[in-house]
């Protein structure tokens, strides 16, 4: 396991070497979707996402999974807090895949 500071440094170094963070996110999300389909062979999947790049990875995974299974996305954060690649991948989602859980916002529990 690596820290978020170490991951930020790896992403910075990847960018320096010509590998955009968006490509890293797309690759991670696609790999996750492949593993889910191959290992578990589900018929339905609920992808739970929050802010940050992990949420962006989840958005990509959900987008890829929709070609294989019935998928829904529970975004427990706030859209206005999404940034960069995570926001871009949120905007790429089919809005019909999003399910709402307004009483389960993580910010409201702090």
PDB file of N, CA and C in Angstrom:
ATOM      1  N   UNK A   1       0.849  -1.164   0.000  1.00  0.00           N
ATOM      2  CA  UNK A   1       0.000   0.000   0.000  1.00  0.00           C
ATOM      3  C   UNK A   1       0.902   1.237   0.000  1.00  0.00           C
ATOM      4  N   UNK A   2       0.435   2.250  -0.685  1.00  0.00           N
ATOM      5  CA  UNK A   2       1.194   3.499  -0.723  1.00  0.00           C
ATOM      6  C   UNK A   2       0.332   4.628  -0.170  1.00  0.00           C
ATOM      7  N   UNK A   3       0.997   5.658   0.295  1.00  0.00           N
ATOM      8  CA  UNK A   3       0.272   6.795   0.847  1.00  0.00           C
ATOM      9  C   UNK A   3      -0.260   7.672  -0.288  1.00  0.00           C
ATOM     10  N   UNK A   4      -1.168   8.576   0.047  1.00  0.00           N
ATOM     11  CA  UNK A   4      -1.688   9.483  -0.976  1.00  0.00           C
ATOM     12  C   UNK A   4      -0.589  10.422  -1.468  1.00  0.00           C
ATOM     13  N   UNK A   5       0.344  10.781  -0.599  1.00  0.00           N
ATOM     14  CA  UNK A   5       1.470  11.625  -1.032  1.00  0.00           C
ATOM     15  C   UNK A   5       2.353  10.870  -2.033  1.00  0.00           C
ATOM     16  N   UNK A   6       2.592   9.596  -1.773  1.00  0.00           N
ATOM     17  CA  UNK A   6       3.387   8.782  -2.699  1.00  0.00           C
ATOM     18  C   UNK A   6       2.667   8.620  -4.036  1.00  0.00           C
ATOM     19  N   UNK A   7       1.342   8.442  -3.985  1.00  0.00           N
ATOM     20  CA  UNK A   7       0.576   8.315  -5.226  1.00  0.00           C
ATOM     21  C   UNK A   7       0.621   9.612  -6.016  1.00  0.00           C
ATOM     22  N   UNK A   8       0.510  10.730  -5.334  1.00  0.00           N
ATOM     23  CA  UNK A   8       0.589  12.029  -6.016  1.00  0.00           C
ATOM     24  C   UNK A   8       1.941  12.175  -6.710  1.00  0.00           C
ATOM     25  N   UNK A   9       2.998  11.733  -6.060  1.00  0.00           N
ATOM     26  CA  UNK A   9       4.331  11.804  -6.659  1.00  0.00           C
ATOM     27  C   UNK A   9       4.431  10.879  -7.873  1.00  0.00           C
ATOM     28  N   UNK A  10       3.880   9.675  -7.775  1.00  0.00           N
ATOM     29  CA  UNK A  10       3.887   8.760  -8.920  1.00  0.00           C
ATOM     30  C   UNK A  10       3.107   9.351 -10.098  1.00  0.00           C
ATOM     31  N   UNK A  11       1.977   9.976  -9.818  1.00  0.00           N
ATOM     32  CA  UNK A  11       1.194  10.605 -10.877  1.00  0.00           C
ATOM     33  C   UNK A  11       1.969  11.759 -11.510  1.00  0.00           C
ATOM     34  N   UNK A  12       2.662  12.541 -10.679  1.00  0.00           N
ATOM     35  CA  UNK A  12       3.470  13.648 -11.194  1.00  0.00           C
ATOM     36  C   UNK A  12       4.576  13.127 -12.104  1.00  0.00           C
ATOM     37  N   UNK A  13       5.241  12.065 -11.669  1.00  0.00           N
ATOM     38  CA  UNK A  13       6.314  11.475 -12.481  1.00  0.00           C
ATOM     39  C   UNK A  13       5.762  10.877 -13.778  1.00  0.00           C
ATOM     40  N   UNK A  14       4.587  10.282 -13.714  1.00  0.00           N
ATOM     41  CA  UNK A  14       3.957   9.746 -14.931  1.00  0.00           C
ATOM     42  C   UNK A  14       3.670  10.860 -15.929  1.00  0.00           C
ATOM     43  N   UNK A  15       3.132  11.961 -15.419  1.00  0.00           N
ATOM     44  CA  UNK A  15       2.865  13.120 -16.279  1.00  0.00           C
ATOM     45  C   UNK A  15       4.155  13.611 -16.933  1.00  0.00           C
ATOM     46  N   UNK A  16       5.235  13.668 -16.141  1.00  0.00           N
ATOM     47  CA  UNK A  16       6.530  14.099 -16.682  1.00  0.00           C
ATOM     48  C   UNK A  16       7.000  13.196 -17.815  1.00  0.00           C
ATOM     49  N   UNK A  17       6.660  11.934 -17.733  1.00  0.00           N
ATOM     50  CA  UNK A  17       7.092  10.962 -18.734  1.00  0.00           C
ATOM     51  C   UNK A  17       6.074  10.792 -19.863  1.00  0.00           C
ATOM     52  N   UNK A  18       5.084  11.683 -19.888  1.00  0.00           N
ATOM     53  CA  UNK A  18       4.141  11.679 -20.993  1.00  0.00           C
ATOM     54  C   UNK A  18       2.931  10.784 -20.816  1.00  0.00           C
ATOM     55  N   UNK A  19       2.690  10.297 -19.610  1.00  0.00           N
ATOM     56  CA  UNK A  19       1.506   9.467 -19.353  1.00  0.00           C
ATOM     57  C   UNK A  19       0.536  10.308 -18.534  1.00  0.00           C
ATOM     58  N   UNK A  20      -0.515  10.803 -19.174  1.00  0.00           N
ATOM     59  CA  UNK A  20      -1.451  11.682 -18.467  1.00  0.00           C
ATOM     60  C   UNK A  20      -2.198  10.948 -17.347  1.00  0.00           C
ATOM     61  N   UNK A  21      -2.552  11.693 -16.317  1.00  0.00           N
ATOM     62  CA  UNK A  21      -3.315  11.134 -15.205  1.00  0.00           C
ATOM     63  C   UNK A  21      -4.633  10.545 -15.691  1.00  0.00           C
ATOM     64  N   UNK A  22      -5.238  11.158 -16.690  1.00  0.00           N
ATOM     65  CA  UNK A  22      -6.481  10.626 -17.238  1.00  0.00           C
ATOM     66  C   UNK A  22      -6.285   9.207 -17.772  1.00  0.00           C
ATOM     67  N   UNK A  23      -5.166   8.962 -18.426  1.00  0.00           N
ATOM     68  CA  UNK A  23      -4.903   7.613 -18.932  1.00  0.00           C
ATOM     69  C   UNK A  23      -4.729   6.622 -17.781  1.00  0.00           C
ATOM     70  N   UNK A  24      -4.058   7.052 -16.705  1.00  0.00           N
ATOM     71  CA  UNK A  24      -3.908   6.190 -15.531  1.00  0.00           C
ATOM     72  C   UNK A  24      -5.276   5.821 -14.958  1.00  0.00           C
ATOM     73  N   UNK A  25      -6.166   6.812 -14.872  1.00  0.00           N
ATOM     74  CA  UNK A  25      -7.493   6.574 -14.330  1.00  0.00           C
ATOM     75  C   UNK A  25      -8.297   5.648 -15.232  1.00  0.00           C
ATOM     76  N   UNK A  26      -8.235   5.887 -16.531  1.00  0.00           N
ATOM     77  CA  UNK A  26      -8.951   5.024 -17.482  1.00  0.00           C
ATOM     78  C   UNK A  26      -8.444   3.589 -17.401  1.00  0.00           C
ATOM     79  N   UNK A  27      -7.128   3.419 -17.293  1.00  0.00           N
ATOM     80  CA  UNK A  27      -6.539   2.089 -17.215  1.00  0.00           C
ATOM     81  C   UNK A  27      -6.941   1.383 -15.926  1.00  0.00           C
ATOM     82  N   UNK A  28      -6.891   2.102 -14.800  1.00  0.00           N
ATOM     83  CA  UNK A  28      -7.262   1.517 -13.509  1.00  0.00           C
ATOM     84  C   UNK A  28      -8.734   1.105 -13.494  1.00  0.00           C
ATOM     85  N   UNK A  29      -9.604   1.979 -13.964  1.00  0.00           N
ATOM     86  CA  UNK A  29     -11.032   1.668 -13.977  1.00  0.00           C
ATOM     87  C   UNK A  29     -11.369   0.512 -14.895  1.00  0.00           C
ATOM     88  N   UNK A  30     -10.738   0.469 -16.067  1.00  0.00           N
ATOM     89  CA  UNK A  30     -10.975  -0.628 -17.013  1.00  0.00           C
ATOM     90  C   UNK A  30     -10.473  -1.949 -16.441  1.00  0.00           C
ATOM     91  N   UNK A  31      -9.300  -1.924 -15.776  1.00  0.00           N
ATOM     92  CA  UNK A  31      -8.758  -3.142 -15.175  1.00  0.00           C
ATOM     93  C   UNK A  31      -9.683  -3.649 -14.068  1.00  0.00           C
ATOM     94  N   UNK A  32     -10.203  -2.742 -13.258  1.00  0.00           N
ATOM     95  CA  UNK A  32     -11.133  -3.130 -12.202  1.00  0.00           C
ATOM     96  C   UNK A  32     -12.389  -3.770 -12.798  1.00  0.00           C
ATOM     97  N   UNK A  33     -12.939  -3.164 -13.831  1.00  0.00           N
ATOM     98  CA  UNK A  33     -14.122  -3.727 -14.488  1.00  0.00           C
ATOM     99  C   UNK A  33     -13.832  -5.124 -15.038  1.00  0.00           C
ATOM    100  N   UNK A  34     -12.681  -5.297 -15.667  1.00  0.00           N
ATOM    101  CA  UNK A  34     -12.308  -6.614 -16.207  1.00  0.00           C
ATOM    102  C   UNK A  34     -12.235  -7.659 -15.108  1.00  0.00           C
ATOM    103  N   UNK A  35     -11.603  -7.313 -13.988  1.00  0.00           N
ATOM    104  CA  UNK A  35     -11.473  -8.263 -12.873  1.00  0.00           C
ATOM    105  C   UNK A  35     -12.847  -8.640 -12.326  1.00  0.00           C
ATOM    106  N   UNK A  36     -13.715  -7.663 -12.148  1.00  0.00           N
ATOM    107  CA  UNK A  36     -15.062  -7.936 -11.633  1.00  0.00           C
ATOM    108  C   UNK A  36     -15.808  -8.890 -12.551  1.00  0.00           C
ATOM    109  N   UNK A  37     -15.771  -8.630 -13.847  1.00  0.00           N
ATOM    110  CA  UNK A  37     -16.496  -9.472 -14.804  1.00  0.00           C
ATOM    111  C   UNK A  37     -15.897 -10.873 -14.851  1.00  0.00           C
ATOM    112  N   UNK A  38     -14.574 -10.963 -14.951  1.00  0.00           N
ATOM    113  CA  UNK A  38     -13.925 -12.269 -15.097  1.00  0.00           C
ATOM    114  C   UNK A  38     -13.988 -13.105 -13.826  1.00  0.00           C
ATOM    115  N   UNK A  39     -13.747 -12.499 -12.690  1.00  0.00           N
ATOM    116  CA  UNK A  39     -13.668 -13.265 -11.447  1.00  0.00           C
ATOM    117  C   UNK A  39     -15.036 -13.590 -10.859  1.00  0.00           C
ATOM    118  N   UNK A  40     -15.962 -12.623 -10.915  1.00  0.00           N
ATOM    119  CA  UNK A  40     -17.230 -12.794 -10.214  1.00  0.00           C
ATOM    120  C   UNK A  40     -18.422 -13.073 -11.124  1.00  0.00           C
ATOM    121  N   UNK A  41     -18.297 -12.771 -12.398  1.00  0.00           N
ATOM    122  CA  UNK A  41     -19.373 -12.979 -13.363  1.00  0.00           C
ATOM    123  C   UNK A  41     -20.743 -12.511 -12.833  1.00  0.00           C
ATOM    124  N   UNK A  42     -20.794 -11.262 -12.361  1.00  0.00           N
ATOM    125  CA  UNK A  42     -22.052 -10.772 -11.790  1.00  0.00           C
ATOM    126  C   UNK A  42     -23.081 -10.450 -12.862  1.00  0.00           C
ATOM    127  N   UNK A  43     -24.325 -10.358 -12.437  1.00  0.00           N
ATOM    128  CA  UNK A  43     -25.380  -9.878 -13.328  1.00  0.00           C
ATOM    129  C   UNK A  43     -25.705  -8.421 -13.036  1.00  0.00           C
ATOM    130  N   UNK A  44     -25.466  -8.015 -11.787  1.00  0.00           N
ATOM    131  CA  UNK A  44     -25.713  -6.643 -11.360  1.00  0.00           C
ATOM    132  C   UNK A  44     -24.544  -6.191 -10.493  1.00  0.00           C
ATOM    133  N   UNK A  45     -24.203  -4.890 -10.628  1.00  0.00           N
ATOM    134  CA  UNK A  45     -23.125  -4.321  -9.825  1.00  0.00           C
ATOM    135  C   UNK A  45     -23.543  -2.925  -9.372  1.00  0.00           C
ATOM    136  N   UNK A  46     -23.299  -2.638  -8.105  1.00  0.00           N
ATOM    137  CA  UNK A  46     -23.455  -1.285  -7.582  1.00  0.00           C
ATOM    138  C   UNK A  46     -22.054  -0.763  -7.299  1.00  0.00           C
ATOM    139  N   UNK A  47     -21.674   0.327  -7.955  1.00  0.00           N
ATOM    140  CA  UNK A  47     -20.373   0.952  -7.744  1.00  0.00           C
ATOM    141  C   UNK A  47     -20.600   2.168  -6.850  1.00  0.00           C
ATOM    142  N   UNK A  48     -19.931   2.187  -5.702  1.00  0.00           N
ATOM    143  CA  UNK A  48     -20.064   3.282  -4.752  1.00  0.00           C
ATOM    144  C   UNK A  48     -18.836   4.182  -4.893  1.00  0.00           C
ATOM    145  N   UNK A  49     -19.072   5.463  -5.147  1.00  0.00           N
ATOM    146  CA  UNK A  49     -17.980   6.409  -5.394  1.00  0.00           C
ATOM    147  C   UNK A  49     -18.082   7.622  -4.480  1.00  0.00           C
ATOM    148  N   UNK A  50     -16.932   8.244  -4.292  1.00  0.00           N
ATOM    149  CA  UNK A  50     -16.821   9.468  -3.514  1.00  0.00           C
ATOM    150  C   UNK A  50     -15.918  10.408  -4.300  1.00  0.00           C
ATOM    151  N   UNK A  51     -15.482  11.486  -3.686  1.00  0.00           N
ATOM    152  CA  UNK A  51     -14.618  12.447  -4.366  1.00  0.00           C
ATOM    153  C   UNK A  51     -13.239  11.855  -4.614  1.00  0.00           C
ATOM    154  N   UNK A  52     -12.461  12.572  -5.377  1.00  0.00           N
ATOM    155  CA  UNK A  52     -11.064  12.216  -5.583  1.00  0.00           C
ATOM    156  C   UNK A  52     -10.879  11.221  -6.711  1.00  0.00           C
ATOM    157  N   UNK A  53      -9.626  10.858  -6.900  1.00  0.00           N
ATOM    158  CA  UNK A  53      -9.307   9.988  -8.021  1.00  0.00           C
ATOM    159  C   UNK A  53      -9.817   8.568  -7.840  1.00  0.00           C
ATOM    160  N   UNK A  54      -9.961   8.095  -6.600  1.00  0.00           N
ATOM    161  CA  UNK A  54     -10.559   6.773  -6.423  1.00  0.00           C
ATOM    162  C   UNK A  54     -12.002   6.775  -6.918  1.00  0.00           C
ATOM    163  N   UNK A  55     -12.704   7.865  -6.648  1.00  0.00           N
ATOM    164  CA  UNK A  55     -14.057   7.995  -7.180  1.00  0.00           C
ATOM    165  C   UNK A  55     -14.044   8.017  -8.694  1.00  0.00           C
ATOM    166  N   UNK A  56     -13.064   8.712  -9.266  1.00  0.00           N
ATOM    167  CA  UNK A  56     -12.925   8.743 -10.724  1.00  0.00           C
ATOM    168  C   UNK A  56     -12.670   7.363 -11.297  1.00  0.00           C
ATOM    169  N   UNK A  57     -11.825   6.571 -10.612  1.00  0.00           N
ATOM    170  CA  UNK A  57     -11.596   5.184 -11.035  1.00  0.00           C
ATOM    171  C   UNK A  57     -12.904   4.401 -11.025  1.00  0.00           C
ATOM    172  N   UNK A  58     -13.709   4.633  -9.983  1.00  0.00           N
ATOM    173  CA  UNK A  58     -15.010   3.954  -9.883  1.00  0.00           C
ATOM    174  C   UNK A  58     -15.952   4.358 -11.004  1.00  0.00           C
ATOM    175  N   UNK A  59     -15.951   5.641 -11.365  1.00  0.00           N
ATOM    176  CA  UNK A  59     -16.796   6.091 -12.476  1.00  0.00           C
ATOM    177  C   UNK A  59     -16.390   5.396 -13.775  1.00  0.00           C
ATOM    178  N   UNK A  60     -15.081   5.284 -13.998  1.00  0.00           N
ATOM    179  CA  UNK A  60     -14.595   4.593 -15.205  1.00  0.00           C
ATOM    180  C   UNK A  60     -15.014   3.132 -15.164  1.00  0.00           C
ATOM    181  N   UNK A  61     -14.815   2.481 -14.026  1.00  0.00           N
ATOM    182  CA  UNK A  61     -15.178   1.066 -13.902  1.00  0.00           C
ATOM    183  C   UNK A  61     -16.658   0.865 -14.204  1.00  0.00           C
ATOM    184  N   UNK A  62     -17.501   1.733 -13.673  1.00  0.00           N
ATOM    185  CA  UNK A  62     -18.942   1.627 -13.923  1.00  0.00           C
ATOM    186  C   UNK A  62     -19.258   1.800 -15.403  1.00  0.00           C
ATOM    187  N   UNK A  63     -18.592   2.758 -16.017  1.00  0.00           N
ATOM    188  CA  UNK A  63     -18.815   2.992 -17.446  1.00  0.00           C
ATOM    189  C   UNK A  63     -18.441   1.764 -18.262  1.00  0.00           C
ATOM    190  N   UNK A  64     -17.349   1.094 -17.885  1.00  0.00           N
ATOM    191  CA  UNK A  64     -16.916  -0.106 -18.597  1.00  0.00           C
ATOM    192  C   UNK A  64     -17.825  -1.295 -18.284  1.00  0.00           C
ATOM    193  N   UNK A  65     -18.255  -1.393 -17.042  1.00  0.00           N
ATOM    194  CA  UNK A  65     -19.112  -2.510 -16.636  1.00  0.00           C
ATOM    195  C   UNK A  65     -20.461  -2.498 -17.332  1.00  0.00           C
ATOM    196  N   UNK A  66     -20.949  -1.319 -17.683  1.00  0.00           N
ATOM    197  CA  UNK A  66     -22.288  -1.245 -18.279  1.00  0.00           C
ATOM    198  C   UNK A  66     -22.388  -2.004 -19.594  1.00  0.00           C
ATOM    199  N   UNK A  67     -21.247  -2.352 -20.187  1.00  0.00           N
ATOM    200  CA  UNK A  67     -21.255  -3.122 -21.431  1.00  0.00           C
ATOM    201  C   UNK A  67     -21.410  -4.616 -21.174  1.00  0.00           C
ATOM    202  N   UNK A  68     -21.316  -5.021 -19.893  1.00  0.00           N
ATOM    203  CA  UNK A  68     -21.345  -6.442 -19.546  1.00  0.00           C
ATOM    204  C   UNK A  68     -22.457  -6.820 -18.581  1.00  0.00           C
ATOM    205  N   UNK A  69     -22.812  -5.908 -17.698  1.00  0.00           N
ATOM    206  CA  UNK A  69     -23.781  -6.210 -16.645  1.00  0.00           C
ATOM    207  C   UNK A  69     -24.661  -4.997 -16.401  1.00  0.00           C
ATOM    208  N   UNK A  70     -25.725  -5.220 -15.642  1.00  0.00           N
ATOM    209  CA  UNK A  70     -26.547  -4.092 -15.206  1.00  0.00           C
ATOM    210  C   UNK A  70     -25.781  -3.395 -14.081  1.00  0.00           C
ATOM    211  N   UNK A  71     -25.524  -2.117 -14.243  1.00  0.00           N
ATOM    212  CA  UNK A  71     -24.712  -1.384 -13.270  1.00  0.00           C
ATOM    213  C   UNK A  71     -25.441  -0.127 -12.819  1.00  0.00           C
ATOM    214  N   UNK A  72     -25.251   0.189 -11.556  1.00  0.00           N
ATOM    215  CA  UNK A  72     -25.741   1.438 -10.988  1.00  0.00           C
ATOM    216  C   UNK A  72     -24.589   2.060 -10.202  1.00  0.00           C
ATOM    217  N   UNK A  73     -24.622   3.379 -10.080  1.00  0.00           N
ATOM    218  CA  UNK A  73     -23.570   4.110  -9.388  1.00  0.00           C
ATOM    219  C   UNK A  73     -24.194   4.909  -8.255  1.00  0.00           C
ATOM    220  N   UNK A  74     -23.672   4.713  -7.062  1.00  0.00           N
ATOM    221  CA  UNK A  74     -24.065   5.516  -5.908  1.00  0.00           C
ATOM    222  C   UNK A  74     -22.920   6.484  -5.632  1.00  0.00           C
ATOM    223  N   UNK A  75     -23.127   7.748  -5.951  1.00  0.00           N
ATOM    224  CA  UNK A  75     -22.127   8.774  -5.668  1.00  0.00           C
ATOM    225  C   UNK A  75     -22.509   9.416  -4.346  1.00  0.00           C
ATOM    226  N   UNK A  76     -21.697   9.209  -3.315  1.00  0.00           N
ATOM    227  CA  UNK A  76     -22.014   9.676  -1.970  1.00  0.00           C
ATOM    228  C   UNK A  76     -21.424  11.034  -1.643  1.00  0.00           C
ATOM    229  N   UNK A  77     -20.846  11.677  -2.627  1.00  0.00           N
ATOM    230  CA  UNK A  77     -20.255  12.989  -2.403  1.00  0.00           C
ATOM    231  C   UNK A  77     -21.121  14.083  -2.997  1.00  0.00           C
ATOM    232  N   UNK A  78     -20.481  15.178  -3.282  1.00  0.00           N
ATOM    233  CA  UNK A  78     -21.146  16.329  -3.900  1.00  0.00           C
ATOM    234  C   UNK A  78     -20.437  16.636  -5.211  1.00  0.00           C
ATOM    235  N   UNK A  79     -21.210  16.800  -6.259  1.00  0.00           N
ATOM    236  CA  UNK A  79     -20.651  17.043  -7.589  1.00  0.00           C
ATOM    237  C   UNK A  79     -19.742  18.265  -7.578  1.00  0.00           C
ATOM    238  N   UNK A  80     -20.112  19.298  -6.854  1.00  0.00           N
ATOM    239  CA  UNK A  80     -19.308  20.523  -6.849  1.00  0.00           C
ATOM    240  C   UNK A  80     -17.923  20.322  -6.220  1.00  0.00           C
ATOM    241  N   UNK A  81     -17.700  19.213  -5.551  1.00  0.00           N
ATOM    242  CA  UNK A  81     -16.378  18.929  -4.977  1.00  0.00           C
ATOM    243  C   UNK A  81     -15.500  18.091  -5.914  1.00  0.00           C
ATOM    244  N   UNK A  82     -16.077  17.573  -6.990  1.00  0.00           N
ATOM    245  CA  UNK A  82     -15.280  16.796  -7.950  1.00  0.00           C
ATOM    246  C   UNK A  82     -14.350  17.727  -8.715  1.00  0.00           C
ATOM    247  N   UNK A  83     -13.152  17.251  -9.004  1.00  0.00           N
ATOM    248  CA  UNK A  83     -12.155  18.035  -9.721  1.00  0.00           C
ATOM    249  C   UNK A  83     -11.475  17.172 -10.781  1.00  0.00           C
ATOM    250  N   UNK A  84     -10.880  17.845 -11.739  1.00  0.00           N
ATOM    251  CA  UNK A  84      -9.998  17.204 -12.715  1.00  0.00           C
ATOM    252  C   UNK A  84     -10.579  15.988 -13.401  1.00  0.00           C
ATOM    253  N   UNK A  85      -9.808  14.931 -13.402  1.00  0.00           N
ATOM    254  CA  UNK A  85     -10.173  13.711 -14.115  1.00  0.00           C
ATOM    255  C   UNK A  85     -11.401  13.040 -13.505  1.00  0.00           C
ATOM    256  N   UNK A  86     -11.551  13.134 -12.186  1.00  0.00           N
ATOM    257  CA  UNK A  86     -12.732  12.552 -11.544  1.00  0.00           C
ATOM    258  C   UNK A  86     -14.001  13.238 -12.052  1.00  0.00           C
ATOM    259  N   UNK A  87     -13.978  14.562 -12.143  1.00  0.00           N
ATOM    260  CA  UNK A  87     -15.124  15.309 -12.666  1.00  0.00           C
ATOM    261  C   UNK A  87     -15.377  14.948 -14.130  1.00  0.00           C
ATOM    262  N   UNK A  88     -14.329  14.872 -14.915  1.00  0.00           N
ATOM    263  CA  UNK A  88     -14.479  14.513 -16.326  1.00  0.00           C
ATOM    264  C   UNK A  88     -15.155  13.152 -16.470  1.00  0.00           C
ATOM    265  N   UNK A  89     -14.734  12.187 -15.673  1.00  0.00           N
ATOM    266  CA  UNK A  89     -15.329  10.858 -15.783  1.00  0.00           C
ATOM    267  C   UNK A  89     -16.739  10.803 -15.218  1.00  0.00           C
ATOM    268  N   UNK A  90     -17.046  11.643 -14.241  1.00  0.00           N
ATOM    269  CA  UNK A  90     -18.423  11.761 -13.772  1.00  0.00           C
ATOM    270  C   UNK A  90     -19.300  12.287 -14.909  1.00  0.00           C
ATOM    271  N   UNK A  91     -18.814  13.291 -15.596  1.00  0.00           N
ATOM    272  CA  UNK A  91     -19.589  13.898 -16.690  1.00  0.00           C
ATOM    273  C   UNK A  91     -19.765  12.941 -17.867  1.00  0.00           C
ATOM    274  N   UNK A  92     -18.898  11.955 -18.012  1.00  0.00           N
ATOM    275  CA  UNK A  92     -19.003  10.980 -19.089  1.00  0.00           C
ATOM    276  C   UNK A  92     -20.045   9.889 -18.811  1.00  0.00           C
ATOM    277  N   UNK A  93     -20.536   9.836 -17.576  1.00  0.00           N
ATOM    278  CA  UNK A  93     -21.492   8.794 -17.200  1.00  0.00           C
ATOM    279  C   UNK A  93     -22.852   9.025 -17.832  1.00  0.00           C
ATOM    280  N   UNK A  94     -23.526   7.943 -18.105  1.00  0.00           N
ATOM    281  CA  UNK A  94     -24.927   8.018 -18.475  1.00  0.00           C
ATOM    282  C   UNK A  94     -25.680   8.341 -17.185  1.00  0.00           C
ATOM    283  N   UNK A  95     -26.344   9.483 -17.100  1.00  0.00           N
ATOM    284  CA  UNK A  95     -26.996   9.876 -15.839  1.00  0.00           C
ATOM    285  C   UNK A  95     -28.040   8.875 -15.357  1.00  0.00           C
ATOM    286  N   UNK A  96     -28.539   8.048 -16.248  1.00  0.00           N
ATOM    287  CA  UNK A  96     -29.525   7.040 -15.838  1.00  0.00           C
ATOM    288  C   UNK A  96     -28.909   5.966 -14.943  1.00  0.00           C
ATOM    289  N   UNK A  97     -27.581   5.882 -14.923  1.00  0.00           N
ATOM    290  CA  UNK A  97     -26.911   4.890 -14.080  1.00  0.00           C
ATOM    291  C   UNK A  97     -26.796   5.339 -12.631  1.00  0.00           C
ATOM    292  N   UNK A  98     -26.957   6.635 -12.392  1.00  0.00           N
ATOM    293  CA  UNK A  98     -26.799   7.177 -11.042  1.00  0.00           C
ATOM    294  C   UNK A  98     -28.040   6.932 -10.201  1.00  0.00           C
ATOM    295  N   UNK A  99     -27.819   6.427  -9.001  1.00  0.00           N
ATOM    296  CA  UNK A  99     -28.905   6.288  -8.039  1.00  0.00           C
ATOM    297  C   UNK A  99     -28.632   7.272  -6.914  1.00  0.00           C
ATOM    298  N   UNK A 100     -29.666   7.764  -6.304  1.00  0.00           N
ATOM    299  CA  UNK A 100     -29.522   8.802  -5.292  1.00  0.00           C
ATOM    300  C   UNK A 100     -29.732   8.228  -3.901  1.00  0.00           C
ATOM    301  N   UNK A 101     -28.844   8.608  -3.003  1.00  0.00           N
ATOM    302  CA  UNK A 101     -28.964   8.275  -1.600  1.00  0.00           C
ATOM    303  C   UNK A 101     -28.766   9.557  -0.805  1.00  0.00           C
ATOM    304  N   UNK A 102     -29.719  10.489  -0.877  1.00  0.00           N
ATOM    305  CA  UNK A 102     -29.503  11.807  -0.269  1.00  0.00           C
ATOM    306  C   UNK A 102     -29.263  11.759   1.240  1.00  0.00           C
ATOM    307  N   UNK A 103     -29.749  10.744   1.926  1.00  0.00           N
ATOM    308  CA  UNK A 103     -29.550  10.692   3.371  1.00  0.00           C
ATOM    309  C   UNK A 103     -28.228  10.039   3.761  1.00  0.00           C
ATOM    310  N   UNK A 104     -27.394   9.648   2.789  1.00  0.00           N
ATOM    311  CA  UNK A 104     -26.167   8.943   3.088  1.00  0.00           C
ATOM    312  C   UNK A 104     -24.950   9.762   2.665  1.00  0.00           C
ATOM    313  N   UNK A 105     -25.053  11.053   2.570  1.00  0.00           N
ATOM    314  CA  UNK A 105     -23.925  11.904   2.215  1.00  0.00           C
ATOM    315  C   UNK A 105     -22.875  11.849   3.326  1.00  0.00           C
ATOM    316  N   UNK A 106     -21.679  11.503   2.993  1.00  0.00           N
ATOM    317  CA  UNK A 106     -20.621  11.373   3.979  1.00  0.00           C
ATOM    318  C   UNK A 106     -20.285  12.705   4.644  1.00  0.00           C
ATOM    319  N   UNK A 107     -20.406  13.818   3.911  1.00  0.00           N
ATOM    320  CA  UNK A 107     -20.096  15.122   4.475  1.00  0.00           C
ATOM    321  C   UNK A 107     -21.023  15.439   5.640  1.00  0.00           C
ATOM    322  N   UNK A 108     -22.257  14.961   5.576  1.00  0.00           N
ATOM    323  CA  UNK A 108     -23.244  15.269   6.589  1.00  0.00           C
ATOM    324  C   UNK A 108     -23.000  14.518   7.888  1.00  0.00           C
ATOM    325  N   UNK A 109     -22.103  13.560   7.876  1.00  0.00           N
ATOM    326  CA  UNK A 109     -21.857  12.747   9.058  1.00  0.00           C
ATOM    327  C   UNK A 109     -20.641  13.229   9.841  1.00  0.00           C
ATOM    328  N   UNK A 110     -19.956  14.237   9.349  1.00  0.00           N
ATOM    329  CA  UNK A 110     -18.745  14.719  10.042  1.00  0.00           C
ATOM    330  C   UNK A 110     -19.076  15.543  11.253  1.00  0.00           C
TER     331      UNK A 110
END
